[in-house]
C-alpha atoms as a PDB file:
ATOM      1  CA  MET A   1      90.107 134.292  94.486  1.00  0.00           C
ATOM      2  CA  ASN A   2      90.657 130.566  94.495  1.00  0.00           C
ATOM      3  CA  LYS A   3      88.257 127.912  95.826  1.00  0.00           C
ATOM      4  CA  ASP A   4      90.001 127.767  99.161  1.00  0.00           C
ATOM      5  CA  GLU A   5      89.547 131.442  99.782  1.00  0.00           C
ATOM      6  CA  LYS A   6      85.844 131.433  98.868  1.00  0.00           C
ATOM      7  CA  ILE A   7      84.821 129.015 101.587  1.00  0.00           C
ATOM      8  CA  VAL A   8      85.587 130.116 105.104  1.00  0.00           C
ATOM      9  CA  SER A   9      84.669 129.017 108.607  1.00  0.00           C
ATOM     10  CA  ALA A  10      82.470 131.428 110.466  1.00  0.00           C
ATOM     11  CA  GLN A  11      80.533 131.809 113.712  1.00  0.00           C
ATOM     12  CA  ILE A  12      77.129 133.334 113.844  1.00  0.00           C
ATOM     13  CA  VAL A  13      77.378 136.449 116.028  1.00  0.00           C
ATOM     14  CA  GLY A  14      74.009 138.071 115.340  1.00  0.00           C
ATOM     15  CA  ILE A  15      70.600 137.398 113.846  1.00  0.00           C
ATOM     16  CA  LYS A  16      68.289 139.924 112.300  1.00  0.00           C
ATOM     17  CA  LYS A  17      64.998 139.272 110.528  1.00  0.00           C
ATOM     18  CA  GLU A  18      66.517 139.508 107.049  1.00  0.00           C
ATOM     19  CA  GLU A  19      70.209 138.683 107.616  1.00  0.00           C
ATOM     20  CA  ILE A  20      72.537 136.654 109.710  1.00  0.00           C
ATOM     21  CA  ILE A  21      75.864 138.198 110.811  1.00  0.00           C
ATOM     22  CA  CYS A  22      78.885 135.936 110.833  1.00  0.00           C
ATOM     23  CA  ARG A  23      82.479 136.458 111.973  1.00  0.00           C
ATOM     24  CA  THR A  24      85.264 134.579 110.243  1.00  0.00           C
ATOM     25  CA  GLU A  25      88.468 133.287 111.873  1.00  0.00           C
ATOM     26  CA  ASN A  26      90.173 136.518 110.728  1.00  0.00           C
ATOM     27  CA  ASN A  27      87.479 138.635 112.477  1.00  0.00           C
ATOM     28  CA  LYS A  28      85.912 139.770 109.184  1.00  0.00           C
ATOM     29  CA  LEU A  29      82.134 140.135 109.205  1.00  0.00           C
ATOM     30  CA  ILE A  30      79.948 138.506 106.572  1.00  0.00           C
ATOM     31  CA  ASN A  31      76.265 139.349 106.316  1.00  0.00           C
ATOM     32  CA  VAL A  32      74.315 136.414 104.962  1.00  0.00           C
ATOM     33  CA  ASP A  33      70.903 137.327 103.545  1.00  0.00           C
ATOM     34  CA  VAL A  34      67.980 135.229 104.755  1.00  0.00           C
ATOM     35  CA  ILE A  35      66.102 134.290 101.599  1.00  0.00           C
ATOM     36  CA  ASN A  36      63.269 132.293 103.055  1.00  0.00           C
ATOM     37  CA  ASN A  37      62.063 132.959 106.573  1.00  0.00           C
ATOM     38  CA  ASP A  38      61.676 129.310 107.487  1.00  0.00           C
ATOM     39  CA  GLU A  39      61.000 128.772 111.208  1.00  0.00           C
ATOM     40  CA  ILE A  40      63.135 125.625 111.466  1.00  0.00           C
ATOM     41  CA  PHE A  41      66.008 127.294 109.664  1.00  0.00           C
ATOM     42  CA  MET A  42      65.880 130.234 112.070  1.00  0.00           C
ATOM     43  CA  GLU A  43      65.777 127.902 115.105  1.00  0.00           C
ATOM     44  CA  VAL A  44      68.926 126.207 113.801  1.00  0.00           C
ATOM     45  CA  MET A  45      70.591 129.582 113.353  1.00  0.00           C
ATOM     46  CA  VAL A  46      69.779 130.531 116.976  1.00  0.00           C
ATOM     47  CA  ASP A  47      71.136 127.140 118.131  1.00  0.00           C
ATOM     48  CA  LEU A  48      74.359 127.802 116.247  1.00  0.00           C
ATOM     49  CA  LEU A  49      74.595 131.255 117.685  1.00  0.00           C
ATOM     50  CA  ILE A  50      74.219 129.922 121.241  1.00  0.00           C
ATOM     51  CA  SER A  51      76.615 127.019 120.778  1.00  0.00           C
ATOM     52  CA  GLY A  52      79.312 129.018 118.962  1.00  0.00           C
ATOM     53  CA  LEU A  53      79.908 126.309 116.401  1.00  0.00           C
ATOM     54  CA  TRP A  54      81.711 127.151 113.198  1.00  0.00           C
ATOM     55  CA  VAL A  55      79.863 126.733 109.899  1.00  0.00           C
ATOM     56  CA  PRO A  56      81.063 126.845 106.287  1.00  0.00           C
ATOM     57  CA  VAL A  57      80.180 130.046 104.403  1.00  0.00           C
ATOM     58  CA  ASN A  58      80.857 131.015 100.804  1.00  0.00           C
ATOM     59  CA  ARG A  59      82.470 134.389 101.364  1.00  0.00           C
ATOM     60  CA  GLN A  60      82.019 135.555  97.746  1.00  0.00           C
ATOM     61  CA  LEU A  61      78.290 134.573  97.443  1.00  0.00           C
ATOM     62  CA  LYS A  62      77.581 135.376 101.133  1.00  0.00           C
ATOM     63  CA  LYS A  63      75.677 132.122 101.557  1.00  0.00           C
ATOM     64  CA  PHE A  64      75.822 129.159 103.936  1.00  0.00           C
ATOM     65  CA  LEU A  65      76.875 125.943 102.298  1.00  0.00           C
ATOM     66  CA  ASP A  66      74.473 123.046 102.033  1.00  0.00           C
ATOM     67  CA  TYR A  67      77.312 120.564 102.505  1.00  0.00           C
ATOM     68  CA  ASP A  68      80.352 120.167 104.731  1.00  0.00           C
ATOM     69  CA  TRP A  69      83.484 122.001 103.604  1.00  0.00           C
ATOM     70  CA  LEU A  70      85.459 118.713 103.756  1.00  0.00           C
ATOM     71  CA  ASP A  71      83.442 117.325 100.857  1.00  0.00           C
ATOM     72  CA  ASN A  72      85.768 118.062  97.860  1.00  0.00           C
ATOM     73  CA  ARG A  73      83.204 116.941  95.322  1.00  0.00           C
ATOM     74  CA  SER A  74      80.947 119.929  96.004  1.00  0.00           C
ATOM     75  CA  LEU A  75      83.745 122.408  95.497  1.00  0.00           C
ATOM     76  CA  GLU A  76      83.909 121.594  91.829  1.00  0.00           C
ATOM     77  CA  THR A  77      80.746 123.575  91.092  1.00  0.00           C
ATOM     78  CA  TYR A  78      82.162 126.757  92.615  1.00  0.00           C
END
């Protein structure tokens, strides 16, 4: 799996206490574990769910990215 395949665009389609369910452009589901139950983080996730915005997700690690997927410098570490 190359770098381009690891990072995908996804929409949040569901939120549970310990995981966030995302759907990729290819209709594949990715369950992202919620590591810290931060109130502000969860509010942002609910806002993203309601708005339908696409967010970058590392498909292999099942984590949200801390940076924008257009930033090529941050891809070098993955």
